Amino acid sequence: MKILITKFTLPFTICIALVLFCTTTILARNAIKSTPLTALKSASVKTPSSLKSPMAANLLNINLLKNTTSGYGKADQVTLIVNPALASNGVGSNKLLNGADNIAFIEGSKVLANDGYKTVSPTDTISISISELTPGTAYQLQILSAKFKVSGIVPMIFDRITKSVTQFSTDTTLINFTPTVADTATYRSRYKIVFVSSLPVREVMTSAESQSNGQIKINWNSFTETNLVSYTIEKSVNGKEYNTLATVRAKNTTTASYSYTDANATKQASYYRIKALSADGTYIYSNVVFVASKSSFTSVYPNPLVGNTLHLATNNLIDGKYIVNVYSTLGTKVFTTTIDGKSNKYELNLGKLATGNYNLVIRSEGAIVYNTSLQVK
């Protein structure tokens, strides 16, 4: 009997082990199959513990935003972490790419979702790869830098196509782009993060407004000017190619205000930006401001609105994408749509809005080009 028991016990044990192994394998496979695509997209290999210590780190988040019928939404994201606890630079977690709208950091042959640096210096650069974009669709790089405060270092983004450098704001920076069939592939290596130890000027904030005589006045304020040579006012009619209007000598003071009047403004809408040039040849650009001529948007009617349909009349409007938003007095967005600028009349179905006062705002390239009050009865 002992021999018989031993003879039959061994196969039974093996069977139990096999059953447990198969069950575990099936559950693991089902877990992978049931993982949402968004989770898989952001998944990575084991992340170093030092990348999980935001209290001891400087964080720079970059979101890839995609424009849809409901406005811009986050398609993907990456995070740069600067933490002295890291063993070296370029330590991060691998990126699992999706079939559309990817953004990643490139470190040699590594494609990373999170990139970790022990420290950063002016000699460091970090390449950004943006892939699987939809041609003809508007995108934005949303750079959140409020938690990135490395002493003596200023992060900026370099565009190797336009050869321009954009300084990050103290909170949020937006970079707009619309890939075409011809240039979609260039976004795989178009942008990179660079670091500088100092800037000729800390920040340049620009605004512009139409005057009663049809001229346009450009105003800008600067902070912490050091070894700054000049400011160049640049103008564009399409937001892509810019021409020089004038150059103004810098004051080299802690804070300064400047203005310039475009006496040759046309009836068409225009884009303006300021280029700040330092003594060593480095330069930065201000934000871009958009100024619509007074006749670009002629009327919104009926106002007060009765019913659901609002009419928008335009004139001399530049072709392009314009986002129309309607906000309540509390700032809640209650309606959004996109127009192309090719027509001179648009019908907007706002749906059933509650009686009250609203604000209609039209934006192009992130800048407000029209703003008016709207009453709904």
Protein backbone atom coordinates (compact mmCIF):
# COMPACT_ATOMS: atom_id res chain seq x y z
CA MET A 1 0.00 0.00 0.00
CA LYS A 2 2.83 2.39 0.73
CA ILE A 3 4.23 1.80 -2.72
CA LEU A 4 0.85 2.41 -4.28
CA ILE A 5 0.37 5.63 -2.33
CA THR A 6 3.76 6.93 -3.37
CA LYS A 7 3.12 5.96 -6.93
CA PHE A 8 -0.08 7.94 -7.21
CA THR A 9 0.83 10.89 -4.97
CA LEU A 10 3.62 12.21 -7.19
CA PRO A 11 1.51 12.64 -10.37
CA PHE A 12 -1.26 14.28 -8.40
CA THR A 13 1.12 16.88 -6.96
CA ILE A 14 2.48 17.67 -10.39
CA CYS A 15 -1.05 18.09 -11.72
CA ILE A 16 -1.89 20.55 -8.96
CA ALA A 17 1.25 22.56 -9.73
CA LEU A 18 0.43 22.62 -13.43
CA VAL A 19 -3.10 23.79 -12.73
CA LEU A 20 -1.83 26.62 -10.53
CA PHE A 21 0.75 27.66 -13.14
CA CYS A 22 -1.81 27.71 -15.97
CA THR A 23 -4.32 29.62 -13.86
CA THR A 24 -1.72 32.25 -12.96
CA THR A 25 -0.67 32.61 -16.60
CA ILE A 26 -4.25 33.01 -17.81
CA LEU A 27 -5.01 35.63 -15.14
CA ALA A 28 -1.89 37.57 -16.05
CA ARG A 29 -2.78 37.53 -19.74
CA ASN A 30 -6.34 38.63 -19.00
CA ALA A 31 -5.02 41.45 -16.83
CA ILE A 32 -2.93 42.72 -19.73
CA LYS A 33 -5.82 42.43 -22.16
CA SER A 34 -8.10 44.34 -19.79
CA THR A 35 -5.64 47.17 -19.20
CA PRO A 36 -6.96 50.40 -20.79
CA LEU A 37 -4.99 51.70 -23.76
CA THR A 38 -4.26 54.94 -21.93
CA ALA A 39 -2.70 52.97 -19.09
CA LEU A 40 -0.57 50.91 -21.45
CA LYS A 41 0.53 54.08 -23.20
CA SER A 42 1.89 55.60 -20.01
CA ALA A 43 3.18 52.31 -18.59
CA SER A 44 6.88 51.80 -18.20
CA VAL A 45 9.52 49.53 -16.79
CA LYS A 46 10.35 49.75 -13.10
CA THR A 47 10.84 53.39 -12.18
CA PRO A 48 13.83 54.24 -9.96
CA SER A 49 12.70 55.23 -6.47
CA SER A 50 14.42 58.60 -6.85
CA LEU A 51 12.04 59.41 -9.68
CA LYS A 52 9.16 58.92 -7.26
CA SER A 53 10.30 61.63 -4.84
CA PRO A 54 8.65 64.85 -5.99
CA MET A 55 9.35 66.49 -2.63
CA ALA A 56 13.09 66.36 -3.37
CA ALA A 57 12.86 66.99 -7.08
CA ASN A 58 12.27 69.69 -9.63
CA LEU A 59 9.52 68.69 -12.05
CA LEU A 60 8.93 69.82 -15.62
CA ASN A 61 5.78 68.38 -17.20
CA ILE A 62 5.14 68.58 -20.94
CA ASN A 63 1.67 67.72 -22.23
CA LEU A 64 0.88 67.06 -25.88
CA LEU A 65 -2.55 68.63 -26.47
CA LYS A 66 -4.68 67.82 -29.50
CA ASN A 67 -7.48 70.00 -30.84
CA THR A 68 -10.82 68.22 -31.21
CA THR A 69 -14.41 69.32 -31.66
CA SER A 70 -14.59 69.95 -27.91
CA GLY A 71 -11.34 71.93 -27.75
CA TYR A 72 -7.80 70.97 -26.77
CA GLY A 73 -7.37 67.77 -24.77
CA LYS A 74 -4.32 65.90 -23.47
CA ALA A 75 -3.14 63.17 -25.85
CA ASP A 76 0.14 62.26 -24.11
CA GLN A 77 2.70 63.55 -21.64
CA VAL A 78 6.30 63.31 -20.42
CA THR A 79 8.01 64.45 -17.22
CA LEU A 80 11.55 65.67 -16.57
CA ILE A 81 12.77 65.20 -12.99
CA VAL A 82 15.92 66.82 -11.59
CA ASN A 83 16.81 65.13 -8.30
CA PRO A 84 20.24 65.11 -6.55
CA ALA A 85 19.42 61.62 -5.26
CA LEU A 86 19.81 60.16 -8.76
CA ALA A 87 23.02 58.30 -9.52
CA SER A 88 23.51 59.96 -12.91
CA ASN A 89 21.78 61.83 -15.74
CA GLY A 90 19.49 60.20 -18.30
CA VAL A 91 17.93 57.80 -15.79
CA GLY A 92 14.29 57.21 -16.63
CA SER A 93 11.46 54.83 -17.40
CA ASN A 94 10.91 53.43 -20.87
CA LYS A 95 8.03 54.64 -23.01
CA LEU A 96 5.46 52.26 -24.48
CA LEU A 97 4.35 54.02 -27.64
CA ASN A 98 0.76 54.09 -28.81
CA GLY A 99 -0.52 54.07 -32.39
CA ALA A 100 -1.21 57.83 -32.38
CA ASP A 101 -0.05 61.08 -30.77
CA ASN A 102 3.13 60.18 -28.88
CA ILE A 103 5.60 62.37 -27.05
CA ALA A 104 8.80 61.05 -25.50
CA PHE A 105 12.29 62.05 -24.38
CA ILE A 106 15.22 60.61 -26.31
CA GLU A 107 18.45 59.69 -24.48
CA GLY A 108 20.73 57.96 -26.96
CA SER A 109 18.85 54.84 -28.04
CA LYS A 110 16.39 55.07 -25.12
CA VAL A 111 12.82 56.32 -25.56
CA LEU A 112 11.61 57.57 -22.19
CA ALA A 113 8.31 58.54 -20.59
CA ASN A 114 10.12 60.02 -17.57
CA ASP A 115 13.67 61.38 -17.76
CA GLY A 116 15.71 61.86 -14.63
CA TYR A 117 18.76 64.08 -14.10
CA LYS A 118 20.97 64.38 -11.03
CA THR A 119 21.68 67.97 -12.05
CA VAL A 120 21.43 70.10 -15.19
CA SER A 121 23.94 72.54 -16.67
CA PRO A 122 24.12 74.81 -19.74
CA THR A 123 25.84 71.97 -21.63
CA ASP A 124 22.83 69.63 -21.26
CA THR A 125 20.17 69.19 -23.93
CA ILE A 126 17.21 66.81 -23.93
CA SER A 127 15.63 65.81 -27.23
CA ILE A 128 11.84 65.59 -27.54
CA SER A 129 10.28 63.19 -30.02
CA ILE A 130 6.69 63.75 -31.18
CA SER A 131 5.35 61.05 -33.46
CA GLU A 132 2.24 59.53 -35.05
CA LEU A 133 0.60 62.95 -35.46
CA THR A 134 -2.49 63.63 -37.56
CA PRO A 135 -1.64 65.98 -40.46
CA GLY A 136 -3.80 69.08 -40.61
CA THR A 137 -4.75 68.88 -36.94
CA ALA A 138 -3.78 71.64 -34.50
CA TYR A 139 -1.63 70.63 -31.53
CA GLN A 140 -0.05 72.39 -28.57
CA LEU A 141 2.91 71.67 -26.36
CA GLN A 142 1.80 72.65 -22.87
CA ILE A 143 4.87 73.11 -20.68
CA LEU A 144 4.18 73.26 -16.94
CA SER A 145 7.26 74.68 -15.23
CA ALA A 146 5.95 76.07 -11.92
CA LYS A 147 7.68 73.22 -10.01
CA PHE A 148 10.98 73.53 -11.87
CA LYS A 149 13.26 75.88 -9.95
CA VAL A 150 16.91 74.90 -10.40
CA SER A 151 19.10 77.66 -9.01
CA GLY A 152 20.98 79.58 -11.70
CA ILE A 153 19.44 77.59 -14.57
CA VAL A 154 16.75 78.74 -17.02
CA PRO A 155 15.09 76.05 -19.20
CA MET A 156 14.02 76.88 -22.75
CA ILE A 157 12.82 74.97 -25.78
CA PHE A 158 14.72 75.11 -29.07
CA ASP A 159 13.00 74.67 -32.45
CA ARG A 160 15.57 73.35 -34.91
CA ILE A 161 13.35 74.17 -37.92
CA THR A 162 12.80 77.86 -37.16
CA LYS A 163 16.08 78.13 -35.19
CA SER A 164 14.18 79.96 -32.45
CA VAL A 165 14.30 79.61 -28.67
CA THR A 166 11.26 80.01 -26.42
CA GLN A 167 11.80 80.78 -22.76
CA PHE A 168 9.47 78.99 -20.35
CA SER A 169 7.16 81.21 -18.36
CA THR A 170 7.01 80.87 -14.60
CA ASP A 171 3.90 78.72 -14.89
CA THR A 172 2.54 77.55 -18.27
CA THR A 173 4.00 77.90 -21.76
CA LEU A 174 2.06 76.98 -24.92
CA ILE A 175 3.68 76.21 -28.27
CA ASN A 176 1.21 75.87 -31.14
CA PHE A 177 1.85 73.77 -34.23
CA THR A 178 -0.09 72.08 -37.03
CA PRO A 179 1.79 69.29 -38.83
CA THR A 180 1.33 68.75 -42.55
CA VAL A 181 1.74 65.59 -44.60
CA ALA A 182 5.09 66.93 -45.80
CA ASP A 183 6.61 67.83 -42.41
CA THR A 184 5.01 65.41 -39.92
CA ALA A 185 8.18 63.31 -39.70
CA THR A 186 10.28 66.35 -38.70
CA TYR A 187 8.52 66.52 -35.32
CA ARG A 188 10.36 63.36 -34.25
CA SER A 189 13.42 65.56 -33.70
CA ARG A 190 12.18 69.15 -34.03
CA TYR A 191 12.23 70.27 -30.40
CA LYS A 192 14.72 69.94 -27.58
CA ILE A 193 15.08 71.37 -24.08
CA VAL A 194 18.16 73.50 -23.52
CA PHE A 195 19.43 75.14 -20.36
CA VAL A 196 21.17 78.49 -19.95
CA SER A 197 22.88 79.93 -16.90
CA SER A 198 21.54 83.44 -17.46
CA LEU A 199 19.42 85.46 -19.85
CA PRO A 200 19.78 88.99 -21.20
CA VAL A 201 16.28 89.60 -19.88
CA ARG A 202 14.20 87.48 -17.55
CA GLU A 203 10.83 87.90 -19.28
CA VAL A 204 9.24 89.94 -22.08
CA MET A 205 5.46 90.34 -22.03
CA THR A 206 3.83 91.86 -25.10
CA SER A 207 0.38 93.29 -25.86
CA ALA A 208 -1.05 95.19 -28.81
CA GLU A 209 -4.18 97.18 -29.56
CA SER A 210 -5.81 98.97 -32.48
CA GLN A 211 -5.95 102.76 -32.35
CA SER A 212 -8.82 104.98 -33.51
CA ASN A 213 -6.76 106.09 -36.53
CA GLY A 214 -6.26 102.51 -37.69
CA GLN A 215 -2.69 102.24 -36.42
CA ILE A 216 -1.63 99.50 -34.01
CA LYS A 217 0.29 100.18 -30.80
CA ILE A 218 2.56 97.41 -29.50
CA ASN A 219 3.49 97.53 -25.80
CA TRP A 220 5.91 95.33 -23.92
CA ASN A 221 7.34 95.12 -20.42
CA SER A 222 10.63 93.48 -19.47
CA PHE A 223 12.15 92.27 -16.22
CA THR A 224 15.82 92.06 -15.14
CA GLU A 225 17.63 93.36 -18.22
CA THR A 226 21.37 92.56 -18.20
CA ASN A 227 23.79 93.30 -21.06
CA LEU A 228 20.83 93.68 -23.37
CA VAL A 229 21.42 95.47 -26.67
CA SER A 230 18.02 95.92 -28.27
CA TYR A 231 14.48 94.83 -28.93
CA THR A 232 13.28 94.11 -32.46
CA ILE A 233 9.57 94.40 -33.28
CA GLU A 234 8.52 91.73 -35.79
CA LYS A 235 5.25 91.44 -37.71
CA SER A 236 3.50 88.64 -39.63
CA VAL A 237 0.25 88.35 -41.55
CA ASN A 238 0.06 84.54 -41.25
CA GLY A 239 1.73 83.82 -37.92
CA LYS A 240 4.62 81.98 -39.60
CA GLU A 241 6.84 84.34 -41.61
CA TYR A 242 7.88 87.50 -39.74
CA ASN A 243 9.36 90.78 -41.00
CA THR A 244 11.25 93.39 -38.99
CA LEU A 245 9.38 96.62 -38.29
CA ALA A 246 11.86 98.46 -36.10
CA THR A 247 14.59 98.12 -33.47
CA VAL A 248 14.53 99.84 -30.07
CA ARG A 249 17.58 100.25 -27.84
CA ALA A 250 17.33 98.48 -24.45
CA LYS A 251 17.39 100.46 -21.20
CA ASN A 252 19.14 97.73 -19.12
CA THR A 253 17.14 98.32 -15.97
CA THR A 254 15.41 96.00 -13.50
CA THR A 255 12.00 96.71 -15.01
CA ALA A 256 11.22 98.65 -18.17
CA SER A 257 8.27 99.50 -20.41
CA TYR A 258 8.39 100.09 -24.14
CA SER A 259 5.98 100.85 -26.97
CA TYR A 260 6.00 101.10 -30.75
CA THR A 261 3.27 102.16 -33.17
CA ASP A 262 2.76 100.36 -36.46
CA ALA A 263 1.75 103.31 -38.65
CA ASN A 264 1.41 101.07 -41.72
CA ALA A 265 -1.11 98.65 -40.30
CA THR A 266 -3.46 97.27 -42.94
CA LYS A 267 -7.06 96.18 -42.71
CA GLN A 268 -5.88 92.59 -42.36
CA ALA A 269 -5.23 91.07 -38.97
CA SER A 270 -1.60 90.83 -37.90
CA TYR A 271 0.70 88.95 -35.53
CA TYR A 272 3.41 90.71 -33.51
CA ARG A 273 6.33 89.52 -31.39
CA ILE A 274 9.44 91.04 -29.77
CA LYS A 275 12.99 89.70 -30.14
CA ALA A 276 15.37 90.57 -27.29
CA LEU A 277 19.06 90.55 -28.31
CA SER A 278 21.96 90.40 -25.84
CA ALA A 279 25.54 91.62 -26.24
CA ASP A 280 26.85 88.07 -26.76
CA GLY A 281 24.43 87.40 -29.63
CA THR A 282 21.93 85.23 -27.76
CA TYR A 283 18.27 86.16 -28.00
CA ILE A 284 14.79 85.20 -26.88
CA TYR A 285 11.30 85.87 -28.23
CA SER A 286 8.32 87.27 -26.39
CA ASN A 287 4.83 85.84 -26.56
CA VAL A 288 3.01 86.34 -29.88
CA VAL A 289 0.03 88.73 -29.91
CA PHE A 290 -2.70 88.75 -32.54
CA VAL A 291 -4.53 91.93 -33.50
CA ALA A 292 -7.64 91.75 -35.64
CA SER A 293 -8.57 94.85 -37.59
CA LYS A 294 -11.69 96.56 -36.34
CA SER A 295 -13.58 95.36 -39.37
CA SER A 296 -12.48 91.72 -39.09
CA PHE A 297 -15.38 90.79 -36.82
CA THR A 298 -18.22 93.14 -37.65
CA SER A 299 -21.08 91.85 -35.54
CA VAL A 300 -22.64 89.12 -33.46
CA TYR A 301 -26.41 89.03 -33.75
CA PRO A 302 -29.06 88.88 -32.48
CA ASN A 303 -27.82 90.30 -29.23
CA PRO A 304 -29.75 89.85 -26.96
CA LEU A 305 -30.13 86.27 -28.24
CA VAL A 306 -33.60 84.76 -28.47
CA GLY A 307 -33.56 81.09 -29.42
CA ASN A 308 -30.53 78.90 -30.13
CA THR A 309 -28.93 80.37 -33.28
CA LEU A 310 -26.32 83.12 -33.09
CA HIS A 311 -24.94 84.74 -36.27
CA LEU A 312 -21.32 85.86 -36.60
CA ALA A 313 -20.36 88.22 -39.42
CA THR A 314 -16.71 88.72 -40.45
CA ASN A 315 -14.77 90.83 -42.92
CA ASN A 316 -11.14 90.71 -44.13
CA LEU A 317 -10.46 87.74 -41.87
CA ILE A 318 -7.27 85.72 -42.46
CA ASP A 319 -7.90 82.07 -43.33
CA GLY A 320 -7.09 79.82 -40.41
CA LYS A 321 -8.56 78.10 -37.38
CA TYR A 322 -10.49 80.26 -34.93
CA ILE A 323 -11.90 78.81 -31.72
CA VAL A 324 -15.20 80.34 -30.57
CA ASN A 325 -16.03 79.92 -26.88
CA VAL A 326 -18.97 81.18 -24.84
CA TYR A 327 -18.51 81.54 -21.07
CA SER A 328 -20.95 82.14 -18.25
CA THR A 329 -20.36 84.97 -15.78
CA LEU A 330 -18.73 82.36 -13.50
CA GLY A 331 -16.17 81.52 -16.19
CA THR A 332 -17.70 78.16 -17.12
CA LYS A 333 -17.38 77.28 -20.80
CA VAL A 334 -20.91 76.55 -22.07
CA PHE A 335 -20.20 76.38 -25.82
CA THR A 336 -17.24 75.87 -28.14
CA THR A 337 -16.74 75.45 -31.87
CA THR A 338 -14.15 76.12 -34.58
CA ILE A 339 -14.47 78.30 -37.69
CA ASP A 340 -12.05 78.44 -40.61
CA GLY A 341 -12.09 82.16 -41.50
CA LYS A 342 -12.97 81.40 -45.13
CA SER A 343 -16.56 82.61 -44.94
CA ASN A 344 -17.97 86.00 -43.93
CA LYS A 345 -21.02 84.59 -42.17
CA TYR A 346 -21.38 81.81 -39.62
CA GLU A 347 -24.36 80.30 -37.82
CA LEU A 348 -23.63 79.05 -34.31
CA ASN A 349 -26.13 76.74 -32.63
CA LEU A 350 -25.56 77.46 -28.96
CA GLY A 351 -28.23 75.07 -27.77
CA LYS A 352 -30.54 76.04 -24.94
CA LEU A 353 -28.71 78.47 -22.65
CA ALA A 354 -30.15 79.79 -19.42
CA THR A 355 -31.30 83.39 -19.41
CA GLY A 356 -28.47 85.70 -18.41
CA ASN A 357 -25.23 87.37 -19.46
CA TYR A 358 -22.36 85.59 -21.20
CA ASN A 359 -18.99 86.39 -22.75
CA LEU A 360 -18.12 85.33 -26.32
CA VAL A 361 -14.39 84.93 -26.96
CA ILE A 362 -12.69 84.09 -30.27
CA ARG A 363 -9.08 82.91 -30.25
CA SER A 364 -6.46 82.28 -32.92
CA GLU A 365 -3.07 80.71 -32.17
CA GLY A 366 -3.93 81.00 -28.47
CA ALA A 367 -4.47 84.79 -28.64
CA ILE A 368 -7.81 86.52 -28.13
CA VAL A 369 -8.88 88.20 -31.37
CA TYR A 370 -12.46 89.13 -30.46
CA ASN A 371 -14.30 89.50 -27.19
CA THR A 372 -17.87 90.70 -26.64
CA SER A 373 -20.71 90.46 -24.15
CA LEU A 374 -23.73 88.36 -25.06
CA GLN A 375 -27.14 88.50 -23.43
CA VAL A 376 -29.51 85.56 -23.63
CA LYS A 377 -33.24 85.99 -23.09
